[in-house]
């Protein structure tokens, strides 16, 4: 599913105009993005949690040359589905 599909579904189910539906989706995504950029967790009941985690430096290996390299520290985004979502997916 793409962002355009989400906009189309909102347009069909809520009766908003396509422009209003697009603005609504963009607004929700902007809020989520800003929240995650600030290091905060997003918890959506019945859906799951989005969390930004810190990964430390670690040693790795270049697969082409075999040379050891340092993989730099970075932030990653994780998603953990709720039990409700897991159950819903597994009953279909």
PDB file of N, CA and C in Angstrom:
ATOM      1  N   UNK A   1       0.845  -1.178   0.000  1.00  0.00           N
ATOM      2  CA  UNK A   1       0.000   0.000   0.000  1.00  0.00           C
ATOM      3  C   UNK A   1       0.890   1.239   0.000  1.00  0.00           C
ATOM      4  N   UNK A   2       0.531   2.190  -0.809  1.00  0.00           N
ATOM      5  CA  UNK A   2       1.293   3.429  -0.909  1.00  0.00           C
ATOM      6  C   UNK A   2       0.528   4.569  -0.225  1.00  0.00           C
ATOM      7  N   UNK A   3       1.187   5.709  -0.126  1.00  0.00           N
ATOM      8  CA  UNK A   3       0.534   6.889   0.447  1.00  0.00           C
ATOM      9  C   UNK A   3      -0.693   7.261  -0.388  1.00  0.00           C
ATOM     10  N   UNK A   4      -0.586   7.132  -1.701  1.00  0.00           N
ATOM     11  CA  UNK A   4      -1.714   7.436  -2.584  1.00  0.00           C
ATOM     12  C   UNK A   4      -2.893   6.503  -2.304  1.00  0.00           C
ATOM     13  N   UNK A   5      -2.611   5.234  -1.999  1.00  0.00           N
ATOM     14  CA  UNK A   5      -3.672   4.285  -1.659  1.00  0.00           C
ATOM     15  C   UNK A   5      -4.363   4.678  -0.352  1.00  0.00           C
ATOM     16  N   UNK A   6      -3.581   5.127   0.621  1.00  0.00           N
ATOM     17  CA  UNK A   6      -4.150   5.570   1.898  1.00  0.00           C
ATOM     18  C   UNK A   6      -5.062   6.770   1.662  1.00  0.00           C
ATOM     19  N   UNK A   7      -4.590   7.725   0.870  1.00  0.00           N
ATOM     20  CA  UNK A   7      -5.387   8.912   0.549  1.00  0.00           C
ATOM     21  C   UNK A   7      -6.688   8.511  -0.141  1.00  0.00           C
ATOM     22  N   UNK A   8      -6.602   7.591  -1.073  1.00  0.00           N
ATOM     23  CA  UNK A   8      -7.785   7.113  -1.803  1.00  0.00           C
ATOM     24  C   UNK A   8      -8.783   6.444  -0.854  1.00  0.00           C
ATOM     25  N   UNK A   9      -8.293   5.624   0.081  1.00  0.00           N
ATOM     26  CA  UNK A   9      -9.172   4.966   1.049  1.00  0.00           C
ATOM     27  C   UNK A   9      -9.883   5.977   1.942  1.00  0.00           C
ATOM     28  N   UNK A  10      -9.156   6.989   2.397  1.00  0.00           N
ATOM     29  CA  UNK A  10      -9.773   8.031   3.230  1.00  0.00           C
ATOM     30  C   UNK A  10     -10.820   8.789   2.428  1.00  0.00           C
ATOM     31  N   UNK A  11     -10.490   9.088   1.181  1.00  0.00           N
ATOM     32  CA  UNK A  11     -11.425   9.784   0.287  1.00  0.00           C
ATOM     33  C   UNK A  11     -12.725   8.991   0.147  1.00  0.00           C
ATOM     34  N   UNK A  12     -12.594   7.672  -0.061  1.00  0.00           N
ATOM     35  CA  UNK A  12     -13.780   6.837  -0.265  1.00  0.00           C
ATOM     36  C   UNK A  12     -14.571   6.616   1.025  1.00  0.00           C
ATOM     37  N   UNK A  13     -13.893   6.421   2.143  1.00  0.00           N
ATOM     38  CA  UNK A  13     -14.586   6.061   3.384  1.00  0.00           C
ATOM     39  C   UNK A  13     -15.133   7.252   4.151  1.00  0.00           C
ATOM     40  N   UNK A  14     -14.457   8.391   4.099  1.00  0.00           N
ATOM     41  CA  UNK A  14     -14.904   9.555   4.873  1.00  0.00           C
ATOM     42  C   UNK A  14     -15.643  10.596   4.048  1.00  0.00           C
ATOM     43  N   UNK A  15     -15.520  10.507   2.739  1.00  0.00           N
ATOM     44  CA  UNK A  15     -16.215  11.469   1.896  1.00  0.00           C
ATOM     45  C   UNK A  15     -15.544  12.828   1.824  1.00  0.00           C
ATOM     46  N   UNK A  16     -14.318  12.914   2.321  1.00  0.00           N
ATOM     47  CA  UNK A  16     -13.565  14.163   2.176  1.00  0.00           C
ATOM     48  C   UNK A  16     -13.105  14.295   0.732  1.00  0.00           C
ATOM     49  N   UNK A  17     -12.754  15.506   0.332  1.00  0.00           N
ATOM     50  CA  UNK A  17     -12.203  15.675  -1.008  1.00  0.00           C
ATOM     51  C   UNK A  17     -10.819  15.037  -1.046  1.00  0.00           C
ATOM     52  N   UNK A  18     -10.341  14.780  -2.258  1.00  0.00           N
ATOM     53  CA  UNK A  18      -9.003  14.180  -2.374  1.00  0.00           C
ATOM     54  C   UNK A  18      -7.943  15.108  -1.800  1.00  0.00           C
ATOM     55  N   UNK A  19      -8.121  16.414  -1.978  1.00  0.00           N
ATOM     56  CA  UNK A  19      -7.163  17.377  -1.448  1.00  0.00           C
ATOM     57  C   UNK A  19      -7.172  17.346   0.079  1.00  0.00           C
ATOM     58  N   UNK A  20      -8.360  17.317   0.674  1.00  0.00           N
ATOM     59  CA  UNK A  20      -8.466  17.255   2.132  1.00  0.00           C
ATOM     60  C   UNK A  20      -7.890  15.942   2.667  1.00  0.00           C
ATOM     61  N   UNK A  21      -8.158  14.859   1.960  1.00  0.00           N
ATOM     62  CA  UNK A  21      -7.620  13.553   2.361  1.00  0.00           C
ATOM     63  C   UNK A  21      -6.097  13.559   2.316  1.00  0.00           C
ATOM     64  N   UNK A  22      -5.533  14.142   1.271  1.00  0.00           N
ATOM     65  CA  UNK A  22      -4.074  14.223   1.137  1.00  0.00           C
ATOM     66  C   UNK A  22      -3.478  15.083   2.247  1.00  0.00           C
ATOM     67  N   UNK A  23      -4.129  16.198   2.556  1.00  0.00           N
ATOM     68  CA  UNK A  23      -3.643  17.082   3.624  1.00  0.00           C
ATOM     69  C   UNK A  23      -3.691  16.377   4.978  1.00  0.00           C
ATOM     70  N   UNK A  24      -4.742  15.611   5.221  1.00  0.00           N
ATOM     71  CA  UNK A  24      -4.889  14.865   6.465  1.00  0.00           C
ATOM     72  C   UNK A  24      -3.771  13.830   6.619  1.00  0.00           C
ATOM     73  N   UNK A  25      -3.519  13.076   5.559  1.00  0.00           N
ATOM     74  CA  UNK A  25      -2.458  12.057   5.596  1.00  0.00           C
ATOM     75  C   UNK A  25      -1.100  12.720   5.802  1.00  0.00           C
ATOM     76  N   UNK A  26      -0.827  13.787   5.087  1.00  0.00           N
ATOM     77  CA  UNK A  26       0.446  14.502   5.234  1.00  0.00           C
ATOM     78  C   UNK A  26       0.617  15.033   6.656  1.00  0.00           C
ATOM     79  N   UNK A  27      -0.469  15.554   7.222  1.00  0.00           N
ATOM     80  CA  UNK A  27      -0.416  16.097   8.576  1.00  0.00           C
ATOM     81  C   UNK A  27      -0.077  14.995   9.589  1.00  0.00           C
ATOM     82  N   UNK A  28      -0.729  13.848   9.457  1.00  0.00           N
ATOM     83  CA  UNK A  28      -0.463  12.724  10.369  1.00  0.00           C
ATOM     84  C   UNK A  28       0.986  12.269  10.233  1.00  0.00           C
ATOM     85  N   UNK A  29       1.460  12.106   9.003  1.00  0.00           N
ATOM     86  CA  UNK A  29       2.845  11.668   8.800  1.00  0.00           C
ATOM     87  C   UNK A  29       3.846  12.701   9.316  1.00  0.00           C
ATOM     88  N   UNK A  30       3.553  13.989   9.144  1.00  0.00           N
ATOM     89  CA  UNK A  30       4.443  15.035   9.651  1.00  0.00           C
ATOM     90  C   UNK A  30       4.522  14.997  11.178  1.00  0.00           C
ATOM     91  N   UNK A  31       3.376  14.796  11.827  1.00  0.00           N
ATOM     92  CA  UNK A  31       3.364  14.700  13.291  1.00  0.00           C
ATOM     93  C   UNK A  31       4.180  13.493  13.744  1.00  0.00           C
ATOM     94  N   UNK A  32       3.990  12.358  13.077  1.00  0.00           N
ATOM     95  CA  UNK A  32       4.737  11.147  13.436  1.00  0.00           C
ATOM     96  C   UNK A  32       6.240  11.358  13.230  1.00  0.00           C
ATOM     97  N   UNK A  33       6.597  11.950  12.103  1.00  0.00           N
ATOM     98  CA  UNK A  33       8.012  12.189  11.795  1.00  0.00           C
ATOM     99  C   UNK A  33       8.645  13.123  12.819  1.00  0.00           C
ATOM    100  N   UNK A  34       7.972  14.218  13.152  1.00  0.00           N
ATOM    101  CA  UNK A  34       8.498  15.163  14.137  1.00  0.00           C
ATOM    102  C   UNK A  34       8.667  14.507  15.505  1.00  0.00           C
ATOM    103  N   UNK A  35       7.690  13.696  15.893  1.00  0.00           N
ATOM    104  CA  UNK A  35       7.749  13.003  17.181  1.00  0.00           C
ATOM    105  C   UNK A  35       8.950  12.069  17.232  1.00  0.00           C
ATOM    106  N   UNK A  36       9.155  11.296  16.172  1.00  0.00           N
ATOM    107  CA  UNK A  36      10.279  10.353  16.137  1.00  0.00           C
ATOM    108  C   UNK A  36      11.617  11.087  16.068  1.00  0.00           C
ATOM    109  N   UNK A  37      11.684  12.195  15.333  1.00  0.00           N
ATOM    110  CA  UNK A  37      12.920  12.983  15.257  1.00  0.00           C
ATOM    111  C   UNK A  37      13.309  13.532  16.625  1.00  0.00           C
ATOM    112  N   UNK A  38      12.328  13.791  17.472  1.00  0.00           N
ATOM    113  CA  UNK A  38      12.587  14.293  18.825  1.00  0.00           C
ATOM    114  C   UNK A  38      12.922  13.175  19.801  1.00  0.00           C
ATOM    115  N   UNK A  39      13.006  11.956  19.296  1.00  0.00           N
ATOM    116  CA  UNK A  39      13.373  10.823  20.135  1.00  0.00           C
ATOM    117  C   UNK A  39      12.233  10.264  20.964  1.00  0.00           C
ATOM    118  N   UNK A  40      11.016  10.687  20.673  1.00  0.00           N
ATOM    119  CA  UNK A  40       9.866  10.199  21.416  1.00  0.00           C
ATOM    120  C   UNK A  40       9.296   8.937  20.767  1.00  0.00           C
ATOM    121  N   UNK A  41       8.603   8.148  21.563  1.00  0.00           N
ATOM    122  CA  UNK A  41       7.993   6.909  21.099  1.00  0.00           C
ATOM    123  C   UNK A  41       6.570   7.200  20.641  1.00  0.00           C
ATOM    124  N   UNK A  42       6.114   6.473  19.622  1.00  0.00           N
ATOM    125  CA  UNK A  42       4.727   6.570  19.170  1.00  0.00           C
ATOM    126  C   UNK A  42       4.058   5.244  19.509  1.00  0.00           C
ATOM    127  N   UNK A  43       2.989   5.321  20.297  1.00  0.00           N
ATOM    128  CA  UNK A  43       2.248   4.127  20.689  1.00  0.00           C
ATOM    129  C   UNK A  43       0.817   4.286  20.206  1.00  0.00           C
ATOM    130  N   UNK A  44       0.409   3.415  19.296  1.00  0.00           N
ATOM    131  CA  UNK A  44      -0.941   3.454  18.753  1.00  0.00           C
ATOM    132  C   UNK A  44      -1.664   2.197  19.237  1.00  0.00           C
ATOM    133  N   UNK A  45      -2.642   2.396  20.117  1.00  0.00           N
ATOM    134  CA  UNK A  45      -3.366   1.267  20.702  1.00  0.00           C
ATOM    135  C   UNK A  45      -4.005   0.419  19.607  1.00  0.00           C
ATOM    136  N   UNK A  46      -3.841  -0.884  19.717  1.00  0.00           N
ATOM    137  CA  UNK A  46      -4.410  -1.807  18.748  1.00  0.00           C
ATOM    138  C   UNK A  46      -3.609  -1.929  17.475  1.00  0.00           C
ATOM    139  N   UNK A  47      -2.511  -1.185  17.359  1.00  0.00           N
ATOM    140  CA  UNK A  47      -1.682  -1.235  16.158  1.00  0.00           C
ATOM    141  C   UNK A  47      -0.247  -1.598  16.499  1.00  0.00           C
ATOM    142  N   UNK A  48       0.440  -0.754  17.303  1.00  0.00           N
ATOM    143  CA  UNK A  48       1.805  -1.065  17.692  1.00  0.00           C
ATOM    144  C   UNK A  48       2.593   0.151  18.115  1.00  0.00           C
ATOM    145  N   UNK A  49       3.905  -0.060  18.314  1.00  0.00           N
ATOM    146  CA  UNK A  49       4.807   0.992  18.777  1.00  0.00           C
ATOM    147  C   UNK A  49       5.912   1.258  17.761  1.00  0.00           C
ATOM    148  N   UNK A  50       6.194   2.539  17.546  1.00  0.00           N
ATOM    149  CA  UNK A  50       7.347   2.966  16.755  1.00  0.00           C
ATOM    150  C   UNK A  50       8.346   3.569  17.731  1.00  0.00           C
ATOM    151  N   UNK A  51       9.593   3.094  17.700  1.00  0.00           N
ATOM    152  CA  UNK A  51      10.614   3.561  18.632  1.00  0.00           C
ATOM    153  C   UNK A  51      11.920   3.791  17.870  1.00  0.00           C
ATOM    154  N   UNK A  52      12.585   4.918  18.178  1.00  0.00           N
ATOM    155  CA  UNK A  52      13.920   5.187  17.631  1.00  0.00           C
ATOM    156  C   UNK A  52      14.931   4.655  18.633  1.00  0.00           C
ATOM    157  N   UNK A  53      15.840   3.791  18.154  1.00  0.00           N
ATOM    158  CA  UNK A  53      16.860   3.206  19.025  1.00  0.00           C
ATOM    159  C   UNK A  53      18.243   3.621  18.534  1.00  0.00           C
ATOM    160  N   UNK A  54      19.172   3.712  19.481  1.00  0.00           N
ATOM    161  CA  UNK A  54      20.563   4.054  19.171  1.00  0.00           C
ATOM    162  C   UNK A  54      21.361   2.773  18.965  1.00  0.00           C
ATOM    163  N   UNK A  55      22.139   2.726  17.907  1.00  0.00           N
ATOM    164  CA  UNK A  55      23.059   1.608  17.700  1.00  0.00           C
ATOM    165  C   UNK A  55      24.477   2.145  17.869  1.00  0.00           C
ATOM    166  N   UNK A  56      25.280   1.444  18.623  1.00  0.00           N
ATOM    167  CA  UNK A  56      26.661   1.872  18.887  1.00  0.00           C
ATOM    168  C   UNK A  56      27.564   1.511  17.709  1.00  0.00           C
ATOM    169  N   UNK A  57      28.798   2.074  17.727  1.00  0.00           N
ATOM    170  CA  UNK A  57      29.807   1.661  16.747  1.00  0.00           C
ATOM    171  C   UNK A  57      30.011   0.155  16.866  1.00  0.00           C
ATOM    172  N   UNK A  58      30.325  -0.476  15.745  1.00  0.00           N
ATOM    173  CA  UNK A  58      30.655  -1.897  15.814  1.00  0.00           C
ATOM    174  C   UNK A  58      31.611  -2.247  14.692  1.00  0.00           C
ATOM    175  N   UNK A  59      32.301  -3.349  14.897  1.00  0.00           N
ATOM    176  CA  UNK A  59      33.230  -3.803  13.862  1.00  0.00           C
ATOM    177  C   UNK A  59      32.482  -4.639  12.843  1.00  0.00           C
ATOM    178  N   UNK A  60      32.864  -4.449  11.605  1.00  0.00           N
ATOM    179  CA  UNK A  60      32.287  -5.229  10.517  1.00  0.00           C
ATOM    180  C   UNK A  60      33.386  -5.611   9.553  1.00  0.00           C
ATOM    181  N   UNK A  61      32.993  -6.228   8.469  1.00  0.00           N
ATOM    182  CA  UNK A  61      33.966  -6.663   7.480  1.00  0.00           C
ATOM    183  C   UNK A  61      33.426  -6.372   6.095  1.00  0.00           C
ATOM    184  N   UNK A  62      34.304  -5.813   5.250  1.00  0.00           N
ATOM    185  CA  UNK A  62      33.946  -5.579   3.859  1.00  0.00           C
ATOM    186  C   UNK A  62      33.901  -6.946   3.175  1.00  0.00           C
ATOM    187  N   UNK A  63      32.751  -7.364   2.663  1.00  0.00           N
ATOM    188  CA  UNK A  63      32.648  -8.694   2.085  1.00  0.00           C
ATOM    189  C   UNK A  63      33.480  -8.891   0.817  1.00  0.00           C
ATOM    190  N   UNK A  64      33.795  -7.807   0.110  1.00  0.00           N
ATOM    191  CA  UNK A  64      34.571  -7.930  -1.123  1.00  0.00           C
ATOM    192  C   UNK A  64      36.065  -8.077  -0.849  1.00  0.00           C
ATOM    193  N   UNK A  65      36.564  -7.336   0.151  1.00  0.00           N
ATOM    194  CA  UNK A  65      38.007  -7.343   0.402  1.00  0.00           C
ATOM    195  C   UNK A  65      38.386  -8.105   1.663  1.00  0.00           C
ATOM    196  N   UNK A  66      37.412  -8.350   2.532  1.00  0.00           N
ATOM    197  CA  UNK A  66      37.711  -9.011   3.796  1.00  0.00           C
ATOM    198  C   UNK A  66      38.294  -8.064   4.834  1.00  0.00           C
ATOM    199  N   UNK A  67      38.480  -6.805   4.465  1.00  0.00           N
ATOM    200  CA  UNK A  67      39.065  -5.810   5.363  1.00  0.00           C
ATOM    201  C   UNK A  67      38.091  -5.452   6.487  1.00  0.00           C
ATOM    202  N   UNK A  68      38.631  -5.370   7.718  1.00  0.00           N
ATOM    203  CA  UNK A  68      37.798  -4.958   8.846  1.00  0.00           C
ATOM    204  C   UNK A  68      37.528  -3.465   8.755  1.00  0.00           C
ATOM    205  N   UNK A  69      36.292  -3.096   9.062  1.00  0.00           N
ATOM    206  CA  UNK A  69      35.898  -1.683   9.051  1.00  0.00           C
ATOM    207  C   UNK A  69      35.090  -1.406  10.314  1.00  0.00           C
ATOM    208  N   UNK A  70      34.928  -0.128  10.625  1.00  0.00           N
ATOM    209  CA  UNK A  70      34.082   0.272  11.748  1.00  0.00           C
ATOM    210  C   UNK A  70      32.772   0.795  11.174  1.00  0.00           C
ATOM    211  N   UNK A  71      31.689   0.192  11.615  1.00  0.00           N
ATOM    212  CA  UNK A  71      30.367   0.658  11.208  1.00  0.00           C
ATOM    213  C   UNK A  71      29.949   1.702  12.238  1.00  0.00           C
ATOM    214  N   UNK A  72      29.697   2.907  11.774  1.00  0.00           N
ATOM    215  CA  UNK A  72      29.462   4.031  12.685  1.00  0.00           C
ATOM    216  C   UNK A  72      28.138   3.908  13.440  1.00  0.00           C
ATOM    217  N   UNK A  73      28.084   4.601  14.560  1.00  0.00           N
ATOM    218  CA  UNK A  73      26.872   4.646  15.368  1.00  0.00           C
ATOM    219  C   UNK A  73      25.771   5.330  14.571  1.00  0.00           C
ATOM    220  N   UNK A  74      24.555   4.902  14.819  1.00  0.00           N
ATOM    221  CA  UNK A  74      23.430   5.502  14.099  1.00  0.00           C
ATOM    222  C   UNK A  74      22.145   5.227  14.855  1.00  0.00           C
ATOM    223  N   UNK A  75      21.089   5.877  14.415  1.00  0.00           N
ATOM    224  CA  UNK A  75      19.761   5.652  14.984  1.00  0.00           C
ATOM    225  C   UNK A  75      18.965   4.800  14.002  1.00  0.00           C
ATOM    226  N   UNK A  76      18.151   3.906  14.550  1.00  0.00           N
ATOM    227  CA  UNK A  76      17.295   3.088  13.710  1.00  0.00           C
ATOM    228  C   UNK A  76      15.860   3.192  14.211  1.00  0.00           C
ATOM    229  N   UNK A  77      14.924   2.994  13.313  1.00  0.00           N
ATOM    230  CA  UNK A  77      13.509   3.012  13.671  1.00  0.00           C
ATOM    231  C   UNK A  77      13.017   1.573  13.733  1.00  0.00           C
ATOM    232  N   UNK A  78      12.366   1.230  14.836  1.00  0.00           N
ATOM    233  CA  UNK A  78      11.812  -0.111  14.975  1.00  0.00           C
ATOM    234  C   UNK A  78      10.298  -0.019  15.141  1.00  0.00           C
ATOM    235  N   UNK A  79       9.628  -1.074  14.726  1.00  0.00           N
ATOM    236  CA  UNK A  79       8.183  -1.173  14.906  1.00  0.00           C
ATOM    237  C   UNK A  79       7.889  -2.505  15.560  1.00  0.00           C
ATOM    238  N   UNK A  80       7.092  -2.456  16.616  1.00  0.00           N
ATOM    239  CA  UNK A  80       6.667  -3.680  17.284  1.00  0.00           C
ATOM    240  C   UNK A  80       5.143  -3.708  17.245  1.00  0.00           C
ATOM    241  N   UNK A  81       4.569  -4.684  16.532  1.00  0.00           N
ATOM    242  CA  UNK A  81       3.111  -4.738  16.440  1.00  0.00           C
ATOM    243  C   UNK A  81       2.469  -5.107  17.768  1.00  0.00           C
ATOM    244  N   UNK A  82       1.246  -4.630  17.966  1.00  0.00           N
ATOM    245  CA  UNK A  82       0.503  -4.955  19.189  1.00  0.00           C
ATOM    246  C   UNK A  82      -0.008  -6.389  19.095  1.00  0.00           C
ATOM    247  N   UNK A  83      -0.413  -6.931  20.244  1.00  0.00           N
ATOM    248  CA  UNK A  83      -0.980  -8.276  20.265  1.00  0.00           C
ATOM    249  C   UNK A  83      -2.268  -8.329  19.437  1.00  0.00           C
ATOM    250  N   UNK A  84      -3.038  -7.246  19.450  1.00  0.00           N
ATOM    251  CA  UNK A  84      -4.281  -7.185  18.678  1.00  0.00           C
ATOM    252  C   UNK A  84      -3.986  -7.309  17.188  1.00  0.00           C
ATOM    253  N   UNK A  85      -2.989  -6.571  16.701  1.00  0.00           N
ATOM    254  CA  UNK A  85      -2.623  -6.633  15.288  1.00  0.00           C
ATOM    255  C   UNK A  85      -2.082  -8.014  14.928  1.00  0.00           C
ATOM    256  N   UNK A  86      -1.239  -8.569  15.777  1.00  0.00           N
ATOM    257  CA  UNK A  86      -0.689  -9.916  15.535  1.00  0.00           C
ATOM    258  C   UNK A  86      -1.823 -10.929  15.426  1.00  0.00           C
ATOM    259  N   UNK A  87      -2.765 -10.856  16.354  1.00  0.00           N
ATOM    260  CA  UNK A  87      -3.891 -11.791  16.338  1.00  0.00           C
ATOM    261  C   UNK A  87      -4.729 -11.624  15.079  1.00  0.00           C
ATOM    262  N   UNK A  88      -4.953 -10.379  14.681  1.00  0.00           N
ATOM    263  CA  UNK A  88      -5.739 -10.102  13.491  1.00  0.00           C
ATOM    264  C   UNK A  88      -5.076 -10.655  12.230  1.00  0.00           C
ATOM    265  N   UNK A  89      -3.769 -10.504  12.143  1.00  0.00           N
ATOM    266  CA  UNK A  89      -3.024 -11.002  10.973  1.00  0.00           C
ATOM    267  C   UNK A  89      -3.043 -12.526  10.944  1.00  0.00           C
ATOM    268  N   UNK A  90      -2.921 -13.146  12.095  1.00  0.00           N
ATOM    269  CA  UNK A  90      -2.821 -14.606  12.155  1.00  0.00           C
ATOM    270  C   UNK A  90      -4.151 -15.339  12.056  1.00  0.00           C
ATOM    271  N   UNK A  91      -5.273 -14.643  12.117  1.00  0.00           N
ATOM    272  CA  UNK A  91      -6.574 -15.308  11.998  1.00  0.00           C
ATOM    273  C   UNK A  91      -7.121 -15.268  10.592  1.00  0.00           C
ATOM    274  N   UNK A  92      -6.431 -14.640   9.685  1.00  0.00           N
ATOM    275  CA  UNK A  92      -6.930 -14.547   8.302  1.00  0.00           C
ATOM    276  C   UNK A  92      -6.398 -15.646   7.440  1.00  0.00           C
TER     277      UNK A  92
END
